[in-house]
Amino acid sequence: MKVGVLALQGDVREHVLALQECGADPVIVRRSAEIAAIDALILPGGESTTIALLAQVFDVFELIRDRIRDGLPVYGSCAGMILLADRVLDAVDGQRTFGGLDITVRRNAFGRQVDSFESDLSVKGVTPAPLKAVFIRAPWVEQVGQGVEVLASIQGSDGREHPVAVRQGTILATSFHPELTGDHRIHRYFLEQVCRSATRIK
């Protein structure tokens, strides 16, 4: 399976290293021919509006959107979650997403860069032991659609529990950055559960 990491902006290198340590052979992608040739895709953390804009500049926005709709396994962390969401709160004017994930997210829900934090988090399906989750200008999920499974939640500043890891079929998204911690259980879950289930469906 050829797993691509979208290399338009964000923490691309960290995802590549995490995949390599999971035994995968990732490829960096940014051109249409490269994206057309992959079997799965990772959308890294970074700046969601910049990634979307550059995807349009590189003329791959519609290709990525269509491949996700056609069932391409995809994992998005932080900004990647925003890019996968069907609905975005506090979006900038004209902000576009690839969509495909039936959730409503709120951008920068946990605050600004100075409000970044770490938390021990239990994630459904990713071994019983908690993992250390790094939140940097992170979104949270305000609403999930009927077909979306919540894998982990955390209490927000509003006192409510908000999903921060979700899955819908071949789409996985987290508010946090597992690529920054050296704990690769989320990447293994994506490779072994999400991608494998997509292969079985085919």
N, C-alpha and C. Protein backbone atom coordinates (compact mmCIF):
# COMPACT_ATOMS: atom_id res chain seq x y z
N MET A 1 0.84 -1.19 0.00
CA MET A 1 0.00 0.00 0.00
C MET A 1 0.88 1.24 0.00
N LYS A 2 0.61 2.15 -0.93
CA LYS A 2 1.38 3.39 -1.04
C LYS A 2 0.63 4.50 -0.29
N VAL A 3 1.23 4.96 0.81
CA VAL A 3 0.61 5.99 1.64
C VAL A 3 1.27 7.33 1.34
N GLY A 4 0.49 8.29 0.91
CA GLY A 4 1.01 9.61 0.61
C GLY A 4 0.82 10.56 1.77
N VAL A 5 1.77 11.47 1.94
CA VAL A 5 1.64 12.56 2.91
C VAL A 5 1.59 13.85 2.11
N LEU A 6 0.50 14.59 2.23
CA LEU A 6 0.34 15.81 1.46
C LEU A 6 1.35 16.85 1.92
N ALA A 7 2.22 17.26 1.02
CA ALA A 7 3.36 18.11 1.39
C ALA A 7 3.22 19.51 0.80
N LEU A 8 2.15 20.18 1.20
CA LEU A 8 1.95 21.57 0.78
C LEU A 8 2.36 22.54 1.88
N GLN A 9 2.13 22.15 3.13
CA GLN A 9 2.48 22.96 4.29
C GLN A 9 2.21 22.12 5.53
N GLY A 10 2.94 22.39 6.61
CA GLY A 10 2.66 21.69 7.86
C GLY A 10 3.74 20.69 8.22
N ASP A 11 3.44 19.85 9.22
CA ASP A 11 4.45 18.94 9.78
C ASP A 11 4.52 17.63 8.98
N VAL A 12 4.95 17.76 7.75
CA VAL A 12 5.04 16.64 6.81
C VAL A 12 6.09 15.64 7.27
N ARG A 13 7.27 16.13 7.59
CA ARG A 13 8.40 15.25 7.94
C ARG A 13 8.05 14.35 9.12
N GLU A 14 7.35 14.88 10.11
CA GLU A 14 7.02 14.10 11.30
C GLU A 14 6.09 12.93 10.96
N HIS A 15 5.14 13.17 10.06
CA HIS A 15 4.25 12.08 9.64
C HIS A 15 5.01 11.03 8.83
N VAL A 16 5.91 11.47 7.99
CA VAL A 16 6.72 10.53 7.20
C VAL A 16 7.52 9.63 8.13
N LEU A 17 8.16 10.21 9.12
CA LEU A 17 8.96 9.43 10.06
C LEU A 17 8.09 8.46 10.86
N ALA A 18 6.92 8.91 11.29
CA ALA A 18 6.02 8.03 12.05
C ALA A 18 5.60 6.84 11.20
N LEU A 19 5.27 7.07 9.94
CA LEU A 19 4.87 5.98 9.06
C LEU A 19 6.02 5.01 8.82
N GLN A 20 7.21 5.54 8.63
CA GLN A 20 8.37 4.69 8.43
C GLN A 20 8.61 3.79 9.64
N GLU A 21 8.45 4.35 10.83
CA GLU A 21 8.66 3.57 12.04
C GLU A 21 7.56 2.53 12.26
N CYS A 22 6.44 2.70 11.56
CA CYS A 22 5.37 1.69 11.58
C CYS A 22 5.58 0.63 10.50
N GLY A 23 6.65 0.75 9.74
CA GLY A 23 6.93 -0.22 8.69
C GLY A 23 6.36 0.11 7.34
N ALA A 24 5.75 1.28 7.20
CA ALA A 24 5.19 1.70 5.91
C ALA A 24 6.28 2.38 5.08
N ASP A 25 6.00 2.56 3.82
CA ASP A 25 6.92 3.22 2.90
C ASP A 25 6.23 4.46 2.33
N PRO A 26 6.16 5.54 3.11
CA PRO A 26 5.39 6.72 2.70
C PRO A 26 6.04 7.46 1.54
N VAL A 27 5.21 8.19 0.81
CA VAL A 27 5.70 9.05 -0.27
C VAL A 27 5.15 10.44 -0.06
N ILE A 28 5.96 11.45 -0.35
CA ILE A 28 5.52 12.83 -0.28
C ILE A 28 4.80 13.18 -1.58
N VAL A 29 3.61 13.76 -1.46
CA VAL A 29 2.81 14.06 -2.66
C VAL A 29 2.35 15.51 -2.66
N ARG A 30 2.35 16.10 -3.83
CA ARG A 30 1.78 17.43 -4.00
C ARG A 30 1.25 17.66 -5.43
N ARG A 31 1.62 16.79 -6.35
CA ARG A 31 1.19 16.91 -7.74
C ARG A 31 0.05 15.93 -8.03
N SER A 32 -0.74 16.23 -9.04
CA SER A 32 -1.91 15.41 -9.34
C SER A 32 -1.54 13.97 -9.67
N ALA A 33 -0.47 13.76 -10.45
CA ALA A 33 -0.07 12.39 -10.81
C ALA A 33 0.33 11.60 -9.58
N GLU A 34 0.99 12.27 -8.63
CA GLU A 34 1.41 11.61 -7.39
C GLU A 34 0.20 11.23 -6.55
N ILE A 35 -0.77 12.13 -6.45
CA ILE A 35 -1.97 11.88 -5.64
C ILE A 35 -2.85 10.82 -6.27
N ALA A 36 -2.88 10.78 -7.59
CA ALA A 36 -3.68 9.77 -8.28
C ALA A 36 -3.13 8.36 -8.08
N ALA A 37 -1.83 8.26 -7.72
CA ALA A 37 -1.17 6.95 -7.65
C ALA A 37 -1.16 6.35 -6.25
N ILE A 38 -1.63 7.07 -5.23
CA ILE A 38 -1.54 6.57 -3.86
C ILE A 38 -2.77 5.75 -3.48
N ASP A 39 -2.58 4.93 -2.42
CA ASP A 39 -3.66 4.09 -1.91
C ASP A 39 -4.26 4.64 -0.62
N ALA A 40 -3.60 5.60 0.00
CA ALA A 40 -4.07 6.23 1.23
C ALA A 40 -3.37 7.58 1.36
N LEU A 41 -3.94 8.47 2.17
CA LEU A 41 -3.41 9.83 2.26
C LEU A 41 -3.44 10.33 3.70
N ILE A 42 -2.41 11.07 4.07
CA ILE A 42 -2.38 11.76 5.35
C ILE A 42 -2.34 13.26 5.11
N LEU A 43 -3.24 13.97 5.79
CA LEU A 43 -3.29 15.44 5.76
C LEU A 43 -2.67 15.93 7.06
N PRO A 44 -1.50 16.56 7.02
CA PRO A 44 -0.78 16.91 8.24
C PRO A 44 -1.36 18.13 8.95
N GLY A 45 -0.91 18.31 10.19
CA GLY A 45 -1.23 19.53 10.90
C GLY A 45 -0.48 20.69 10.27
N GLY A 46 -0.98 21.88 10.49
CA GLY A 46 -0.40 23.08 9.90
C GLY A 46 -1.44 24.18 9.95
N GLU A 47 -1.65 24.85 8.84
CA GLU A 47 -2.66 25.91 8.73
C GLU A 47 -3.66 25.48 7.66
N SER A 48 -4.88 25.21 8.09
CA SER A 48 -5.87 24.62 7.18
C SER A 48 -6.18 25.52 5.99
N THR A 49 -6.25 26.84 6.22
CA THR A 49 -6.56 27.74 5.10
C THR A 49 -5.42 27.77 4.09
N THR A 50 -4.18 27.72 4.57
CA THR A 50 -3.02 27.74 3.68
C THR A 50 -2.96 26.45 2.86
N ILE A 51 -3.19 25.31 3.51
CA ILE A 51 -3.15 24.03 2.80
C ILE A 51 -4.22 24.00 1.72
N ALA A 52 -5.44 24.46 2.04
CA ALA A 52 -6.52 24.48 1.06
C ALA A 52 -6.18 25.40 -0.11
N LEU A 53 -5.61 26.56 0.19
CA LEU A 53 -5.25 27.51 -0.86
C LEU A 53 -4.17 26.93 -1.77
N LEU A 54 -3.15 26.32 -1.17
CA LEU A 54 -2.07 25.74 -1.97
C LEU A 54 -2.56 24.55 -2.78
N ALA A 55 -3.52 23.80 -2.25
CA ALA A 55 -4.09 22.70 -3.02
C ALA A 55 -4.78 23.22 -4.28
N GLN A 56 -5.37 24.40 -4.18
CA GLN A 56 -5.97 25.02 -5.37
C GLN A 56 -4.90 25.54 -6.31
N VAL A 57 -3.84 26.13 -5.76
CA VAL A 57 -2.74 26.64 -6.59
C VAL A 57 -2.09 25.50 -7.36
N PHE A 58 -1.89 24.35 -6.69
CA PHE A 58 -1.28 23.18 -7.33
C PHE A 58 -2.28 22.38 -8.16
N ASP A 59 -3.52 22.85 -8.19
CA ASP A 59 -4.59 22.23 -8.99
C ASP A 59 -4.84 20.78 -8.58
N VAL A 60 -4.85 20.53 -7.25
CA VAL A 60 -5.14 19.19 -6.77
C VAL A 60 -6.32 19.17 -5.80
N PHE A 61 -6.93 20.32 -5.55
CA PHE A 61 -8.01 20.39 -4.57
C PHE A 61 -9.16 19.45 -4.93
N GLU A 62 -9.67 19.58 -6.14
CA GLU A 62 -10.80 18.76 -6.56
C GLU A 62 -10.43 17.28 -6.63
N LEU A 63 -9.19 16.99 -7.05
CA LEU A 63 -8.75 15.60 -7.11
C LEU A 63 -8.77 14.97 -5.73
N ILE A 64 -8.22 15.66 -4.73
CA ILE A 64 -8.22 15.13 -3.37
C ILE A 64 -9.65 14.98 -2.87
N ARG A 65 -10.46 15.99 -3.07
CA ARG A 65 -11.86 15.92 -2.64
C ARG A 65 -12.57 14.72 -3.26
N ASP A 66 -12.39 14.51 -4.55
CA ASP A 66 -13.07 13.42 -5.25
C ASP A 66 -12.55 12.05 -4.81
N ARG A 67 -11.24 11.94 -4.58
CA ARG A 67 -10.68 10.66 -4.15
C ARG A 67 -11.19 10.30 -2.75
N ILE A 68 -11.33 11.29 -1.88
CA ILE A 68 -11.88 11.03 -0.55
C ILE A 68 -13.33 10.56 -0.68
N ARG A 69 -14.09 11.20 -1.52
CA ARG A 69 -15.49 10.80 -1.72
C ARG A 69 -15.60 9.40 -2.31
N ASP A 70 -14.59 9.00 -3.08
CA ASP A 70 -14.59 7.67 -3.69
C ASP A 70 -14.06 6.59 -2.75
N GLY A 71 -13.72 6.96 -1.50
CA GLY A 71 -13.33 5.96 -0.50
C GLY A 71 -11.86 5.84 -0.22
N LEU A 72 -11.04 6.80 -0.68
CA LEU A 72 -9.61 6.77 -0.36
C LEU A 72 -9.44 6.84 1.16
N PRO A 73 -8.71 5.91 1.77
CA PRO A 73 -8.44 6.03 3.21
C PRO A 73 -7.61 7.29 3.48
N VAL A 74 -8.05 8.09 4.45
CA VAL A 74 -7.36 9.34 4.72
C VAL A 74 -7.37 9.61 6.22
N TYR A 75 -6.25 10.13 6.71
CA TYR A 75 -6.13 10.52 8.12
C TYR A 75 -5.69 11.97 8.18
N GLY A 76 -6.40 12.78 8.96
CA GLY A 76 -6.04 14.17 9.13
C GLY A 76 -5.82 14.50 10.59
N SER A 77 -4.68 15.15 10.91
CA SER A 77 -4.40 15.58 12.28
C SER A 77 -4.49 17.10 12.35
N CYS A 78 -5.23 17.60 13.35
CA CYS A 78 -5.38 19.04 13.62
C CYS A 78 -5.93 19.78 12.39
N ALA A 79 -5.10 20.49 11.65
CA ALA A 79 -5.58 21.15 10.44
C ALA A 79 -6.19 20.15 9.48
N GLY A 80 -5.63 18.92 9.48
CA GLY A 80 -6.19 17.87 8.63
C GLY A 80 -7.62 17.53 8.99
N MET A 81 -7.95 17.59 10.30
CA MET A 81 -9.33 17.36 10.71
C MET A 81 -10.25 18.44 10.15
N ILE A 82 -9.80 19.69 10.20
CA ILE A 82 -10.59 20.79 9.66
C ILE A 82 -10.82 20.60 8.16
N LEU A 83 -9.77 20.19 7.45
CA LEU A 83 -9.87 20.00 6.01
C LEU A 83 -10.81 18.85 5.63
N LEU A 84 -11.00 17.90 6.53
CA LEU A 84 -11.89 16.78 6.25
C LEU A 84 -13.33 17.05 6.66
N ALA A 85 -13.54 18.06 7.51
CA ALA A 85 -14.88 18.33 8.04
C ALA A 85 -15.81 18.89 6.96
N ASP A 86 -17.06 18.47 7.03
CA ASP A 86 -18.07 19.02 6.11
C ASP A 86 -18.49 20.43 6.51
N ARG A 87 -18.35 20.76 7.81
CA ARG A 87 -18.79 22.06 8.30
C ARG A 87 -17.76 22.62 9.26
N VAL A 88 -17.47 23.94 9.15
CA VAL A 88 -16.45 24.58 9.97
C VAL A 88 -17.01 25.84 10.62
N LEU A 89 -16.87 25.94 11.94
CA LEU A 89 -17.25 27.15 12.66
C LEU A 89 -16.02 28.02 12.84
N ASP A 90 -16.23 29.32 12.88
CA ASP A 90 -15.14 30.30 12.98
C ASP A 90 -14.18 30.21 11.79
N ALA A 91 -14.72 29.84 10.65
CA ALA A 91 -13.90 29.76 9.43
C ALA A 91 -13.63 31.16 8.90
N VAL A 92 -12.54 31.31 8.17
CA VAL A 92 -12.27 32.57 7.50
C VAL A 92 -13.17 32.66 6.27
N ASP A 93 -13.40 33.87 5.78
CA ASP A 93 -14.26 34.05 4.62
C ASP A 93 -13.73 33.25 3.43
N GLY A 94 -14.61 32.46 2.84
CA GLY A 94 -14.23 31.70 1.65
C GLY A 94 -13.46 30.44 1.91
N GLN A 95 -13.30 30.07 3.20
CA GLN A 95 -12.52 28.87 3.51
C GLN A 95 -13.19 27.64 2.92
N ARG A 96 -12.38 26.78 2.28
CA ARG A 96 -12.88 25.54 1.68
C ARG A 96 -12.27 24.34 2.37
N THR A 97 -13.00 23.24 2.37
CA THR A 97 -12.48 21.99 2.89
C THR A 97 -12.70 20.90 1.85
N PHE A 98 -11.91 19.82 1.97
CA PHE A 98 -12.12 18.67 1.10
C PHE A 98 -13.42 17.97 1.47
N GLY A 99 -13.75 17.99 2.76
CA GLY A 99 -14.99 17.37 3.22
C GLY A 99 -14.92 15.85 3.20
N GLY A 100 -16.09 15.25 3.40
CA GLY A 100 -16.21 13.80 3.43
C GLY A 100 -16.49 13.26 4.82
N LEU A 101 -16.17 14.05 5.85
CA LEU A 101 -16.38 13.64 7.24
C LEU A 101 -17.55 14.44 7.80
N ASP A 102 -18.60 13.74 8.20
CA ASP A 102 -19.85 14.39 8.61
C ASP A 102 -19.75 14.91 10.04
N ILE A 103 -18.93 15.96 10.19
CA ILE A 103 -18.76 16.60 11.49
C ILE A 103 -18.77 18.12 11.31
N THR A 104 -19.06 18.80 12.41
CA THR A 104 -18.88 20.24 12.51
C THR A 104 -17.72 20.50 13.46
N VAL A 105 -16.68 21.19 12.98
CA VAL A 105 -15.53 21.51 13.83
C VAL A 105 -15.48 23.00 14.10
N ARG A 106 -14.85 23.34 15.21
CA ARG A 106 -14.60 24.74 15.53
C ARG A 106 -13.10 24.99 15.47
N ARG A 107 -12.68 25.90 14.62
CA ARG A 107 -11.26 26.22 14.48
C ARG A 107 -10.72 26.86 15.77
N ASN A 108 -9.47 26.54 16.09
CA ASN A 108 -8.77 27.14 17.25
C ASN A 108 -9.63 27.11 18.52
N ALA A 109 -10.35 25.99 18.69
CA ALA A 109 -11.32 25.92 19.78
C ALA A 109 -10.66 25.97 21.15
N PHE A 110 -9.44 25.44 21.26
CA PHE A 110 -8.76 25.40 22.55
C PHE A 110 -7.94 26.66 22.82
N GLY A 111 -7.96 27.60 21.89
CA GLY A 111 -7.23 28.84 22.10
C GLY A 111 -6.09 29.02 21.13
N ARG A 112 -5.26 30.02 21.40
CA ARG A 112 -4.16 30.37 20.52
C ARG A 112 -2.93 29.52 20.81
N GLN A 113 -1.84 29.83 20.13
CA GLN A 113 -0.60 29.07 20.28
C GLN A 113 -0.16 28.97 21.74
N VAL A 114 -0.30 30.07 22.48
CA VAL A 114 0.14 30.07 23.88
C VAL A 114 -0.72 29.17 24.75
N ASP A 115 -1.88 28.76 24.25
CA ASP A 115 -2.78 27.90 25.02
C ASP A 115 -2.56 26.42 24.70
N SER A 116 -1.51 26.10 23.95
CA SER A 116 -1.21 24.71 23.61
C SER A 116 -0.98 23.90 24.88
N PHE A 117 -1.32 22.61 24.84
CA PHE A 117 -1.20 21.78 26.03
C PHE A 117 -1.10 20.31 25.63
N GLU A 118 -0.74 19.47 26.61
CA GLU A 118 -0.70 18.03 26.44
C GLU A 118 -1.67 17.40 27.42
N SER A 119 -2.21 16.24 27.03
CA SER A 119 -3.14 15.54 27.90
C SER A 119 -3.04 14.05 27.65
N ASP A 120 -3.14 13.24 28.71
CA ASP A 120 -3.22 11.79 28.55
C ASP A 120 -4.64 11.45 28.10
N LEU A 121 -4.73 10.66 27.03
CA LEU A 121 -6.01 10.46 26.38
C LEU A 121 -6.19 8.99 26.04
N SER A 122 -7.33 8.43 26.40
CA SER A 122 -7.68 7.07 26.00
C SER A 122 -8.44 7.13 24.68
N VAL A 123 -7.98 6.37 23.71
CA VAL A 123 -8.57 6.37 22.37
C VAL A 123 -9.13 4.98 22.09
N LYS A 124 -10.39 4.91 21.78
CA LYS A 124 -11.06 3.64 21.53
C LYS A 124 -10.39 2.89 20.38
N GLY A 125 -10.07 1.61 20.62
CA GLY A 125 -9.46 0.78 19.58
C GLY A 125 -7.96 0.90 19.48
N VAL A 126 -7.35 1.78 20.32
CA VAL A 126 -5.91 2.01 20.24
C VAL A 126 -5.27 1.61 21.58
N THR A 127 -5.37 0.35 21.94
CA THR A 127 -4.85 -0.24 23.17
C THR A 127 -5.36 0.48 24.42
N PRO A 128 -5.46 -0.22 25.54
CA PRO A 128 -6.05 0.38 26.75
C PRO A 128 -5.23 1.53 27.33
N ALA A 129 -3.91 1.48 27.20
CA ALA A 129 -3.08 2.51 27.84
C ALA A 129 -3.30 3.87 27.18
N PRO A 130 -3.43 4.93 27.97
CA PRO A 130 -3.61 6.27 27.39
C PRO A 130 -2.38 6.68 26.57
N LEU A 131 -2.61 7.55 25.62
CA LEU A 131 -1.50 8.13 24.88
C LEU A 131 -1.41 9.61 25.19
N LYS A 132 -0.24 10.18 24.99
CA LYS A 132 -0.05 11.61 25.25
C LYS A 132 -0.47 12.38 24.00
N ALA A 133 -1.47 13.21 24.14
CA ALA A 133 -2.01 13.98 23.03
C ALA A 133 -1.53 15.42 23.12
N VAL A 134 -0.98 15.94 22.02
CA VAL A 134 -0.47 17.31 21.95
C VAL A 134 -1.47 18.16 21.17
N PHE A 135 -1.98 19.20 21.81
CA PHE A 135 -2.97 20.09 21.20
C PHE A 135 -2.32 21.45 20.94
N ILE A 136 -2.26 21.87 19.67
CA ILE A 136 -1.65 23.14 19.29
C ILE A 136 -2.64 23.91 18.41
N ARG A 137 -3.20 24.98 18.95
CA ARG A 137 -4.22 25.74 18.21
C ARG A 137 -5.25 24.78 17.61
N ALA A 138 -5.68 23.84 18.42
CA ALA A 138 -6.43 22.69 17.92
C ALA A 138 -7.92 22.99 17.77
N PRO A 139 -8.56 22.33 16.83
CA PRO A 139 -10.01 22.36 16.74
C PRO A 139 -10.62 21.36 17.71
N TRP A 140 -11.91 21.47 17.93
CA TRP A 140 -12.65 20.37 18.53
C TRP A 140 -13.91 20.15 17.72
N VAL A 141 -14.57 19.04 17.95
CA VAL A 141 -15.77 18.69 17.19
C VAL A 141 -16.99 19.15 17.97
N GLU A 142 -17.81 19.95 17.33
CA GLU A 142 -19.05 20.44 17.95
C GLU A 142 -20.21 19.47 17.73
N GLN A 143 -20.21 18.80 16.59
CA GLN A 143 -21.35 17.95 16.24
C GLN A 143 -20.88 16.84 15.32
N VAL A 144 -21.39 15.62 15.54
CA VAL A 144 -21.06 14.50 14.67
C VAL A 144 -22.33 13.99 14.00
N GLY A 145 -22.16 13.51 12.77
CA GLY A 145 -23.27 12.91 12.05
C GLY A 145 -23.51 11.49 12.52
N GLN A 146 -24.57 10.89 12.02
CA GLN A 146 -25.01 9.58 12.49
C GLN A 146 -23.97 8.48 12.23
N GLY A 147 -23.23 8.60 11.14
CA GLY A 147 -22.28 7.55 10.79
C GLY A 147 -20.89 7.74 11.34
N VAL A 148 -20.71 8.71 12.23
CA VAL A 148 -19.38 9.03 12.76
C VAL A 148 -19.20 8.39 14.12
N GLU A 149 -18.09 7.67 14.31
CA GLU A 149 -17.76 7.05 15.59
C GLU A 149 -16.80 7.95 16.35
N VAL A 150 -17.14 8.27 17.58
CA VAL A 150 -16.26 9.07 18.44
C VAL A 150 -15.28 8.13 19.13
N LEU A 151 -13.99 8.35 18.93
CA LEU A 151 -12.95 7.51 19.51
C LEU A 151 -12.37 8.08 20.80
N ALA A 152 -12.43 9.40 20.97
CA ALA A 152 -11.91 10.04 22.18
C ALA A 152 -12.52 11.42 22.32
N SER A 153 -12.69 11.85 23.57
CA SER A 153 -13.23 13.18 23.86
C SER A 153 -12.43 13.80 24.99
N ILE A 154 -12.54 15.12 25.11
CA ILE A 154 -11.85 15.84 26.18
C ILE A 154 -12.72 17.04 26.57
N GLN A 155 -12.59 17.47 27.81
CA GLN A 155 -13.38 18.61 28.28
C GLN A 155 -12.77 19.91 27.76
N GLY A 156 -13.63 20.73 27.16
CA GLY A 156 -13.18 22.02 26.66
C GLY A 156 -13.33 23.11 27.69
N SER A 157 -12.92 24.32 27.32
CA SER A 157 -13.00 25.46 28.22
C SER A 157 -14.44 25.85 28.53
N ASP A 158 -15.38 25.34 27.73
CA ASP A 158 -16.80 25.61 27.99
C ASP A 158 -17.40 24.62 28.98
N GLY A 159 -16.56 23.70 29.50
CA GLY A 159 -17.04 22.74 30.47
C GLY A 159 -17.71 21.52 29.88
N ARG A 160 -17.80 21.45 28.56
CA ARG A 160 -18.46 20.33 27.89
C ARG A 160 -17.41 19.37 27.32
N GLU A 161 -17.82 18.10 27.15
CA GLU A 161 -16.97 17.12 26.50
C GLU A 161 -17.09 17.27 24.98
N HIS A 162 -15.94 17.34 24.32
CA HIS A 162 -15.93 17.47 22.87
C HIS A 162 -15.10 16.35 22.24
N PRO A 163 -15.59 15.72 21.19
CA PRO A 163 -14.79 14.72 20.49
C PRO A 163 -13.51 15.34 19.92
N VAL A 164 -12.40 14.59 20.07
CA VAL A 164 -11.12 15.03 19.51
C VAL A 164 -10.49 13.95 18.65
N ALA A 165 -11.15 12.80 18.53
CA ALA A 165 -10.73 11.75 17.60
C ALA A 165 -11.99 11.07 17.09
N VAL A 166 -12.14 11.01 15.79
CA VAL A 166 -13.35 10.46 15.19
C VAL A 166 -13.00 9.63 13.96
N ARG A 167 -13.91 8.73 13.63
CA ARG A 167 -13.74 7.92 12.43
C ARG A 167 -15.08 7.75 11.73
N GLN A 168 -15.06 7.84 10.43
CA GLN A 168 -16.23 7.55 9.62
C GLN A 168 -15.77 6.71 8.43
N GLY A 169 -15.95 5.41 8.53
CA GLY A 169 -15.53 4.53 7.45
C GLY A 169 -14.04 4.59 7.20
N THR A 170 -13.67 5.09 6.04
CA THR A 170 -12.25 5.16 5.65
C THR A 170 -11.60 6.49 6.02
N ILE A 171 -12.28 7.29 6.83
CA ILE A 171 -11.74 8.59 7.23
C ILE A 171 -11.49 8.62 8.73
N LEU A 172 -10.27 8.99 9.10
CA LEU A 172 -9.87 9.14 10.51
C LEU A 172 -9.38 10.55 10.72
N ALA A 173 -9.73 11.15 11.85
CA ALA A 173 -9.27 12.51 12.14
C ALA A 173 -9.06 12.70 13.64
N THR A 174 -8.01 13.46 13.98
CA THR A 174 -7.75 13.80 15.38
C THR A 174 -7.48 15.30 15.48
N SER A 175 -7.90 15.87 16.61
CA SER A 175 -7.59 17.28 16.89
C SER A 175 -6.13 17.47 17.26
N PHE A 176 -5.52 16.41 17.74
CA PHE A 176 -4.16 16.48 18.30
C PHE A 176 -3.14 15.96 17.29
N HIS A 177 -1.87 16.02 17.70
CA HIS A 177 -0.73 15.72 16.82
C HIS A 177 0.04 14.49 17.31
N PRO A 178 -0.38 13.28 16.98
CA PRO A 178 0.39 12.10 17.42
C PRO A 178 1.76 12.01 16.76
N GLU A 179 1.93 12.69 15.63
CA GLU A 179 3.21 12.65 14.92
C GLU A 179 4.33 13.36 15.70
N LEU A 180 3.97 14.12 16.74
CA LEU A 180 4.96 14.89 17.49
C LEU A 180 5.44 14.21 18.77
N THR A 181 4.89 13.04 19.09
CA THR A 181 5.14 12.46 20.41
C THR A 181 6.04 11.24 20.40
N GLY A 182 6.27 10.61 19.27
CA GLY A 182 7.01 9.35 19.23
C GLY A 182 6.14 8.14 19.53
N ASP A 183 4.88 8.36 19.86
CA ASP A 183 3.92 7.27 20.07
C ASP A 183 3.14 7.11 18.77
N HIS A 184 3.33 5.97 18.11
CA HIS A 184 2.79 5.81 16.76
C HIS A 184 1.53 4.95 16.70
N ARG A 185 0.84 4.84 17.83
CA ARG A 185 -0.35 3.98 17.84
C ARG A 185 -1.48 4.50 16.94
N ILE A 186 -1.61 5.80 16.81
CA ILE A 186 -2.64 6.34 15.92
C ILE A 186 -2.31 6.00 14.47
N HIS A 187 -1.05 6.14 14.10
CA HIS A 187 -0.65 5.80 12.73
C HIS A 187 -0.83 4.31 12.45
N ARG A 188 -0.51 3.48 13.45
CA ARG A 188 -0.72 2.04 13.27
C ARG A 188 -2.21 1.72 13.14
N TYR A 189 -3.03 2.40 13.93
CA TYR A 189 -4.48 2.20 13.83
C TYR A 189 -4.94 2.56 12.41
N PHE A 190 -4.44 3.66 11.89
CA PHE A 190 -4.82 4.06 10.54
C PHE A 190 -4.40 2.99 9.52
N LEU A 191 -3.18 2.53 9.61
CA LEU A 191 -2.67 1.54 8.65
C LEU A 191 -3.36 0.19 8.80
N GLU A 192 -3.53 -0.26 10.05
CA GLU A 192 -3.99 -1.63 10.28
C GLU A 192 -5.50 -1.76 10.34
N GLN A 193 -6.20 -0.69 10.72
CA GLN A 193 -7.64 -0.77 10.85
C GLN A 193 -8.36 -0.04 9.71
N VAL A 194 -8.05 1.23 9.53
CA VAL A 194 -8.77 2.02 8.53
C VAL A 194 -8.40 1.57 7.10
N CYS A 195 -7.11 1.51 6.82
CA CYS A 195 -6.69 1.12 5.46
C CYS A 195 -7.04 -0.32 5.16
N ARG A 196 -6.88 -1.18 6.14
CA ARG A 196 -7.19 -2.60 5.94
C ARG A 196 -8.68 -2.81 5.69
N SER A 197 -9.52 -2.06 6.40
CA SER A 197 -10.97 -2.19 6.18
C SER A 197 -11.34 -1.71 4.79
N ALA A 198 -10.65 -0.68 4.30
CA ALA A 198 -10.91 -0.19 2.94
C ALA A 198 -10.55 -1.25 1.91
N THR A 199 -9.46 -1.98 2.16
CA THR A 199 -9.04 -3.05 1.25
C THR A 199 -10.07 -4.17 1.23
N ARG A 200 -10.62 -4.48 2.41
CA ARG A 200 -11.65 -5.54 2.47
C ARG A 200 -12.90 -5.14 1.73
N ILE A 201 -13.26 -3.84 1.81
CA ILE A 201 -14.47 -3.36 1.12
C ILE A 201 -14.31 -3.52 -0.38
N LYS A 202 -13.09 -3.20 -0.90
CA LYS A 202 -12.84 -3.34 -2.33
C LYS A 202 -12.92 -4.79 -2.76
